[in-house]
Amino acid sequence: MFRTSARKRALFRQVNERICDVSVGETYELICECDSTGCREHVVVPADVFDGAVRQGRRYLVAPGHNSPWETVLGRGPTYAVVA
């Protein structure tokens, strides 16, 4: 399960980065990067929050309530949470 979710997170991060490359505006509509293999939720994230998560590494953007019990919530907004 862990390996599958780690691969899913890496793939969805790559997809989200491409979405950001072609997006215009101050927010991005991205795919939830939670570790649930079946999740296909979308999150709306301010551009600076996404950029900060990418720079820090090992930080993921998830839909509210999608964090796992072993993850630390580092920040949140009405439509997203940043977890490590």
Protein backbone atom coordinates (compact mmCIF):
# COMPACT_ATOMS: atom_id res chain seq x y z
CA MET A 1 0.00 0.00 0.00
CA PHE A 2 2.72 2.50 0.91
CA ARG A 3 4.63 2.02 -2.34
CA THR A 4 1.47 2.42 -4.37
CA SER A 5 0.50 5.61 -2.56
CA ALA A 6 4.05 6.99 -2.85
CA ARG A 7 3.95 6.41 -6.62
CA LYS A 8 0.49 7.98 -6.81
CA ARG A 9 1.70 11.04 -4.93
CA ALA A 10 4.72 11.41 -7.21
CA LEU A 11 2.57 11.05 -10.32
CA PHE A 12 -0.08 13.50 -9.11
CA ARG A 13 2.62 16.00 -8.13
CA GLN A 14 3.96 15.84 -11.69
CA VAL A 15 0.45 16.32 -13.08
CA ASN A 16 -0.14 19.24 -10.71
CA GLU A 17 3.13 20.87 -11.73
CA ARG A 18 2.07 20.68 -15.38
CA ILE A 19 -1.32 22.14 -14.52
CA CYS A 20 0.47 25.05 -12.85
CA ASP A 21 2.73 25.52 -15.88
CA VAL A 22 -0.29 26.24 -18.09
CA SER A 23 -2.51 27.98 -15.53
CA VAL A 24 -3.04 31.71 -15.31
CA GLY A 25 -4.14 33.39 -12.11
CA GLU A 26 -3.53 33.44 -8.40
CA THR A 27 -5.04 30.02 -7.65
CA TYR A 28 -4.66 26.55 -9.10
CA GLU A 29 -7.25 23.78 -9.29
CA LEU A 30 -5.20 20.66 -8.63
CA ILE A 31 -5.60 16.96 -7.93
CA CYS A 32 -5.52 15.93 -4.26
CA GLU A 33 -2.10 14.48 -3.38
CA CYS A 34 -3.33 12.35 -0.45
CA ASP A 35 -2.05 8.81 -0.03
CA SER A 36 -5.41 7.17 -0.83
CA THR A 37 -5.04 5.31 -4.12
CA GLY A 38 -8.72 5.83 -5.01
CA CYS A 39 -8.95 9.58 -4.37
CA ARG A 40 -9.69 11.85 -7.32
CA GLU A 41 -10.77 14.98 -5.40
CA HIS A 42 -9.71 18.42 -6.56
CA VAL A 43 -8.24 21.13 -4.37
CA VAL A 44 -8.11 24.86 -5.06
CA VAL A 45 -4.81 26.24 -3.82
CA PRO A 46 -3.24 29.71 -3.91
CA ALA A 47 -0.26 29.74 -6.26
CA ASP A 48 2.17 30.77 -3.52
CA VAL A 49 1.07 27.85 -1.29
CA PHE A 50 1.70 25.33 -4.08
CA ASP A 51 5.06 26.91 -4.92
CA GLY A 52 6.08 26.76 -1.25
CA ALA A 53 5.10 23.09 -0.94
CA VAL A 54 7.14 22.21 -4.03
CA ARG A 55 10.20 24.13 -2.77
CA GLN A 56 10.08 22.47 0.65
CA GLY A 57 9.78 18.94 -0.74
CA ARG A 58 7.90 16.09 0.95
CA ARG A 59 4.96 18.43 1.46
CA TYR A 60 1.70 17.55 -0.20
CA LEU A 61 -1.55 19.35 -0.91
CA VAL A 62 -4.62 17.39 0.07
CA ALA A 63 -8.35 17.99 0.30
CA PRO A 64 -9.62 18.90 3.78
CA GLY A 65 -9.77 15.77 5.94
CA HIS A 66 -7.63 13.70 3.56
CA ASN A 67 -4.53 13.75 5.74
CA SER A 68 -3.44 10.43 7.23
CA PRO A 69 -3.13 10.06 11.02
CA TRP A 70 0.67 9.90 10.78
CA GLU A 71 0.95 13.14 8.76
CA THR A 72 1.42 16.57 10.25
CA VAL A 73 -0.85 19.32 8.96
CA LEU A 74 1.42 22.31 8.37
CA GLY A 75 -1.18 24.68 7.03
CA ARG A 76 -4.71 24.77 5.75
CA GLY A 77 -7.24 26.81 3.92
CA PRO A 78 -10.93 26.28 3.22
CA THR A 79 -10.21 24.05 0.21
CA TYR A 80 -6.86 22.43 1.01
CA ALA A 81 -4.38 21.28 3.66
CA VAL A 82 -0.58 21.12 3.42
CA VAL A 83 0.79 17.95 5.02
CA ALA A 84 4.22 16.47 5.68
